[in-house]
Amino acid sequence: MINKNFNKIISDRITALRENNGLNIEQLAYRSGISKGGLSEIERGLKEPRSYTIIRICAGLGISISDFYDFEEIKNFQNSL
């Protein structure tokens, strides 16, 4: 259950950041150097992203990994452990 909740938080975060940057899935996938299908599966919660993939997505978004994890839902999740 913990992994499923964590994956949902991460996939929602990626989607929100992508949309806030005015990017579609294809654009972010290109910028991140990952496949469009892979990114789509991550955003829909069908695929668990590896750390390296998250780092590549952050690079595509132009943010640091610390900025990626700096949001309320992840802090709440961490505090619930």
Protein backbone atom coordinates (compact mmCIF):
# COMPACT_ATOMS: atom_id res chain seq x y z
CA MET A 1 0.00 0.00 0.00
CA ILE A 2 2.85 2.39 0.80
CA ASN A 3 4.45 1.95 -2.63
CA LYS A 4 1.11 2.52 -4.37
CA ASN A 5 0.51 5.73 -2.41
CA PHE A 6 4.04 6.94 -3.06
CA ASN A 7 3.79 6.20 -6.78
CA LYS A 8 0.50 8.12 -6.97
CA ILE A 9 2.10 11.12 -5.26
CA ILE A 10 5.07 11.02 -7.66
CA SER A 11 2.96 10.55 -10.79
CA ASP A 12 0.65 13.41 -9.78
CA ARG A 13 3.69 15.61 -9.10
CA ILE A 14 5.18 14.94 -12.53
CA THR A 15 1.86 15.69 -14.23
CA ALA A 16 1.35 18.92 -12.27
CA LEU A 17 4.86 20.18 -12.97
CA ARG A 18 4.56 19.33 -16.65
CA GLU A 19 1.23 21.11 -16.98
CA ASN A 20 2.43 24.12 -14.94
CA ASN A 21 5.30 24.45 -17.43
CA GLY A 22 2.87 24.37 -20.36
CA LEU A 23 4.31 21.14 -21.73
CA ASN A 24 2.56 18.16 -23.20
CA ILE A 25 3.79 14.61 -22.62
CA GLU A 26 5.65 14.48 -25.92
CA GLN A 27 7.54 17.71 -25.19
CA LEU A 28 8.60 16.66 -21.69
CA ALA A 29 9.58 13.19 -22.89
CA TYR A 30 11.78 14.74 -25.59
CA ARG A 31 13.39 17.18 -23.15
CA SER A 32 13.97 14.36 -20.65
CA GLY A 33 15.31 11.86 -23.15
CA ILE A 34 12.71 9.23 -22.29
CA SER A 35 9.97 7.69 -24.38
CA LYS A 36 6.58 9.32 -24.63
CA GLY A 37 4.95 5.99 -23.80
CA GLY A 38 7.13 5.52 -20.75
CA LEU A 39 6.32 8.99 -19.43
CA SER A 40 2.63 8.42 -20.08
CA GLU A 41 2.74 5.16 -18.11
CA ILE A 42 4.51 6.91 -15.22
CA GLU A 43 1.96 9.73 -15.13
CA ARG A 44 -0.92 7.24 -15.17
CA GLY A 45 0.66 5.27 -12.34
CA LEU A 46 1.19 2.17 -14.46
CA LYS A 47 4.97 2.26 -14.20
CA GLU A 48 7.15 3.07 -11.21
CA PRO A 49 9.86 5.56 -12.17
CA ARG A 50 13.43 4.78 -11.21
CA SER A 51 15.48 7.46 -9.50
CA TYR A 52 17.47 8.06 -12.67
CA THR A 53 14.25 8.60 -14.62
CA ILE A 54 13.06 11.16 -12.06
CA ILE A 55 16.39 12.97 -12.37
CA ARG A 56 16.00 13.05 -16.16
CA ILE A 57 12.43 14.36 -15.84
CA CYS A 58 13.70 17.09 -13.48
CA ALA A 59 16.31 18.05 -16.07
CA GLY A 60 13.59 18.22 -18.71
CA LEU A 61 11.56 20.48 -16.44
CA GLY A 62 14.57 22.62 -15.57
CA ILE A 63 14.30 21.97 -11.84
CA SER A 64 16.53 20.35 -9.24
CA ILE A 65 15.73 17.02 -7.65
CA SER A 66 15.35 18.81 -4.31
CA ASP A 67 12.73 21.12 -5.84
CA PHE A 68 10.93 18.09 -7.23
CA TYR A 69 10.56 16.58 -3.75
CA ASP A 70 9.83 19.86 -1.99
CA PHE A 71 6.03 19.84 -1.76
CA GLU A 72 3.43 19.23 0.92
CA GLU A 73 2.15 15.79 -0.13
CA ILE A 74 5.60 14.22 -0.01
CA LYS A 75 6.28 15.78 3.39
CA ASN A 76 2.98 14.39 4.69
CA PHE A 77 3.84 10.98 3.27
CA GLN A 78 7.26 11.05 4.91
CA ASN A 79 5.76 12.04 8.25
CA SER A 80 3.28 9.15 8.06
CA LEU A 81 6.05 6.53 7.91
